[in-house]
Protein backbone atom coordinates (compact mmCIF):
# COMPACT_ATOMS: atom_id res chain seq x y z
CA MET A 1 97.00 94.17 75.10
CA LEU A 2 96.26 97.05 77.48
CA ASP A 3 93.08 99.09 77.21
CA GLU A 4 92.69 102.40 79.07
CA PHE A 5 88.95 103.02 79.30
CA ARG A 6 86.78 106.00 80.18
CA VAL A 7 83.06 105.29 80.41
CA ALA A 8 80.44 107.99 80.90
CA PRO A 9 76.85 107.34 82.08
CA PRO A 10 74.92 105.30 81.10
CA GLY A 11 77.69 103.30 79.37
CA GLY A 12 79.60 100.18 80.10
CA PHE A 13 80.51 96.89 78.49
CA PRO A 14 77.43 94.66 78.07
CA ASP A 15 77.66 90.86 77.78
CA HIS A 16 80.82 89.78 75.90
CA PRO A 17 83.01 86.64 75.86
CA HIS A 18 86.60 85.89 76.88
CA ARG A 19 88.47 82.59 76.47
CA GLY A 20 91.92 81.19 77.21
CA PHE A 21 93.53 84.00 79.22
CA GLU A 22 93.41 86.09 82.38
CA THR A 23 92.20 89.70 82.48
CA VAL A 24 92.81 92.36 85.10
CA THR A 25 90.51 95.32 85.61
CA TYR A 26 92.19 98.12 87.58
CA MET A 27 89.67 100.84 88.49
CA MET A 28 91.25 104.26 88.81
CA GLU A 29 88.07 106.35 89.18
CA GLY A 30 84.34 105.72 89.28
CA GLU A 31 82.51 102.42 89.77
CA LEU A 32 81.57 99.38 87.68
CA ILE A 33 79.35 96.38 88.38
CA HIS A 34 80.87 93.13 87.05
CA GLU A 35 78.71 90.05 86.50
CA ASP A 36 79.25 86.76 84.68
CA PHE A 37 76.97 84.04 83.34
CA LYS A 38 77.74 81.78 86.33
CA GLY A 39 76.16 84.33 88.70
CA HIS A 40 79.35 85.86 90.13
CA LYS A 41 78.94 89.56 90.78
CA GLY A 42 81.26 92.30 92.06
CA HIS A 43 81.19 96.04 92.67
CA LEU A 44 84.48 97.69 91.63
CA LYS A 45 85.36 101.14 93.00
CA GLY A 46 88.33 103.46 92.44
CA GLY A 47 91.52 101.64 93.51
CA ASP A 48 89.98 98.14 93.30
CA LEU A 49 91.29 95.27 91.18
CA GLN A 50 89.57 92.31 89.62
CA TRP A 51 91.58 89.37 88.29
CA MET A 52 89.54 87.02 86.09
CA THR A 53 90.63 83.69 84.65
CA ALA A 54 88.49 83.04 81.58
CA GLY A 55 89.70 79.45 81.14
CA ARG A 56 87.66 77.61 78.49
CA GLY A 57 85.28 80.52 78.19
CA ILE A 58 83.10 82.97 80.06
CA ILE A 59 80.50 85.60 79.20
CA HIS A 60 80.46 88.63 81.44
CA SER A 61 79.54 92.32 81.62
CA GLU A 62 80.98 95.44 83.24
CA LEU A 63 78.40 98.19 83.59
CA LEU A 64 78.72 101.68 84.99
CA HIS A 65 77.43 102.22 88.52
CA GLY A 66 76.42 105.71 89.63
CA THR A 67 76.54 109.01 87.77
CA THR A 68 80.28 109.63 87.43
CA THR A 69 82.63 108.65 84.63
CA ALA A 70 84.62 105.47 85.24
CA ARG A 71 88.29 105.30 84.26
CA GLY A 72 90.56 102.31 84.47
CA LEU A 73 92.87 99.84 82.84
CA GLN A 74 91.69 96.48 81.57
CA GLN A 75 94.21 93.87 81.58
CA GLU A 76 89.15 90.48 92.67
CA LEU A 77 90.99 92.12 95.12
CA GLU A 78 89.81 94.99 97.26
CA SER A 79 92.06 98.08 97.20
CA SER A 80 92.88 97.49 100.88
CA GLN A 81 94.55 94.19 99.90
CA VAL A 82 96.93 95.76 97.35
CA THR A 83 100.55 95.83 98.52
CA HIS A 84 101.93 99.39 98.82
CA VAL A 85 105.57 100.45 99.08
CA SER A 86 107.15 103.89 99.33
CA PRO A 87 110.96 103.51 99.31
CA GLU A 88 111.33 107.28 99.85
CA GLU A 89 109.33 110.53 99.93
CA GLY A 90 107.79 111.30 96.54
CA ILE A 91 107.59 107.66 95.38
CA GLN A 92 104.32 105.70 95.73
CA ILE A 93 104.10 102.17 94.34
CA LYS A 94 101.24 99.65 94.25
CA VAL A 95 102.29 96.06 93.61
CA ILE A 96 99.36 94.49 91.77
CA ALA A 97 101.34 91.42 90.67
CA GLY A 98 105.00 90.56 91.08
CA GLU A 99 107.56 92.28 93.30
CA ILE A 100 109.47 95.58 93.61
CA TYR A 101 111.69 96.98 96.40
CA GLY A 102 111.12 93.80 98.43
CA ALA A 103 107.33 94.23 98.43
CA ARG A 104 105.45 91.29 96.90
CA SER A 105 101.84 91.21 95.71
CA SER A 106 99.37 88.93 97.43
CA VAL A 107 98.05 87.95 93.96
CA VAL A 108 99.15 84.53 92.72
CA THR A 109 98.89 84.25 88.93
CA ARG A 110 98.85 81.11 86.80
CA THR A 111 101.38 82.70 84.46
CA PRO A 112 104.32 84.59 86.03
CA THR A 113 103.31 88.26 85.82
CA THR A 114 104.50 91.73 86.84
CA TYR A 115 101.99 94.58 87.23
CA ILE A 116 103.36 97.63 89.07
CA ASP A 117 101.61 101.03 89.45
CA VAL A 118 104.06 103.89 90.11
CA LYS A 119 103.59 107.58 91.00
CA LEU A 120 106.67 109.83 91.14
CA LYS A 121 107.25 113.46 92.04
CA LYS A 122 109.58 115.48 89.78
CA GLY A 123 113.21 114.34 89.92
CA LYS A 124 112.43 111.05 91.68
CA LYS A 125 113.92 107.84 90.29
CA ILE A 126 113.12 104.14 90.54
CA GLU A 127 114.71 101.04 89.05
CA HIS A 128 112.78 97.87 88.33
CA SER A 129 114.19 94.52 87.25
CA ILE A 130 112.17 92.74 84.56
CA PRO A 131 112.72 88.97 84.94
CA ALA A 132 114.50 87.02 82.20
CA ASN A 133 112.38 86.05 79.16
CA TYR A 134 109.44 88.30 80.12
CA THR A 135 107.64 90.35 77.51
CA ALA A 136 106.99 93.74 79.11
CA PHE A 137 105.96 97.32 78.52
CA ILE A 138 105.48 100.61 80.35
CA TYR A 139 102.32 102.66 79.85
CA THR A 140 102.38 106.32 80.94
CA LEU A 141 99.04 107.42 82.43
CA GLN A 142 99.95 110.97 83.39
CA GLY A 143 102.91 113.34 83.37
CA THR A 144 106.32 112.78 81.78
CA ALA A 145 109.45 110.76 82.51
CA LEU A 146 112.75 109.50 81.11
CA TYR A 147 112.73 105.71 80.69
CA GLY A 148 115.54 103.21 80.35
CA GLY A 149 119.30 103.55 80.10
CA ASN A 150 118.98 105.78 77.02
CA GLN A 151 116.52 108.06 78.91
CA HIS A 152 113.72 107.88 76.35
CA ALA A 153 111.28 110.76 77.02
CA SER A 154 107.62 109.77 77.14
CA GLU A 155 104.33 111.40 78.06
CA ALA A 156 100.76 110.37 78.93
CA GLN A 157 98.98 107.77 76.77
CA HIS A 158 102.25 106.42 75.33
CA THR A 159 103.47 102.83 75.51
CA LEU A 160 107.12 101.80 75.65
CA VAL A 161 107.81 98.18 74.72
CA LEU A 162 110.80 96.79 76.61
CA ASP A 163 113.46 94.53 75.07
CA ASN A 164 113.04 90.85 75.80
CA HIS A 165 116.59 89.82 76.70
CA GLN A 166 116.59 86.04 76.33
CA GLY A 167 118.05 84.42 79.43
CA GLU A 168 118.84 87.52 81.51
CA SER A 169 116.85 90.08 83.49
CA THR A 170 116.71 93.75 82.49
CA VAL A 171 116.92 96.68 84.91
CA VAL A 172 114.79 99.64 83.81
CA PRO A 173 115.52 103.04 85.41
CA VAL A 174 112.80 105.71 85.35
CA VAL A 175 113.29 109.40 86.26
CA SER A 176 110.24 111.67 86.59
CA THR A 177 110.36 114.99 84.73
CA SER A 178 106.99 116.21 86.06
CA ASP A 179 105.36 116.42 89.48
CA ASP A 180 102.47 114.18 88.40
CA CYS A 181 104.29 111.23 86.79
CA HIS A 182 102.09 108.10 86.86
CA PHE A 183 102.79 104.90 84.92
CA VAL A 184 102.37 101.14 85.03
CA ILE A 185 104.95 98.46 84.31
CA ILE A 186 103.30 95.31 82.98
CA GLY A 187 104.95 92.10 81.86
CA GLY A 188 104.85 88.37 81.95
CA LEU A 189 106.21 85.11 80.69
CA PRO A 190 104.74 84.56 77.21
CA ILE A 191 102.18 81.74 77.11
CA GLY A 192 102.73 80.98 73.41
CA GLU A 193 99.02 80.82 72.62
CA HIS A 194 98.07 80.96 68.94
CA ARG A 195 96.34 84.22 67.98
CA ALA A 196 93.69 84.17 65.26
């Protein structure tokens, strides 16, 4: 599940539980204060990441800090620790988890995971290899692009679920059709946990 959130003052996400999985909060704009019932506390700002392993269970909150709207993706690193790669002019990539163009994230996940943030100028192209047996998707945050070998057109706030080719990796080409193309590629090895 991927949740794009926008929170205006004085909002936030008061105490709520998680159990049995890892979440990632990727702050794009604004600021949140994160706190859990064990006393851990963090201040997330635009560009920051927080990786949380809920394990057997945790209760935590994420509350707005300041007077501006917060925007991010919910799926603790400081933004300065995120791996950046720019294979050519007009292509900016942040490697939150996994690897692309030889750049590897400093994040080590319990479950093999890919989380790539990509910004492309119009006409720019990337290719990313999704490892064998991963379940993966692309979520477009802004702009438009052509995705995959069949060049499926997609725009902001749309999700493209990628085929899970059993036993072989999949190369996904993406060509930007706007000057403000921004998307994330997220995937991982399924954990097979029962869902209620």
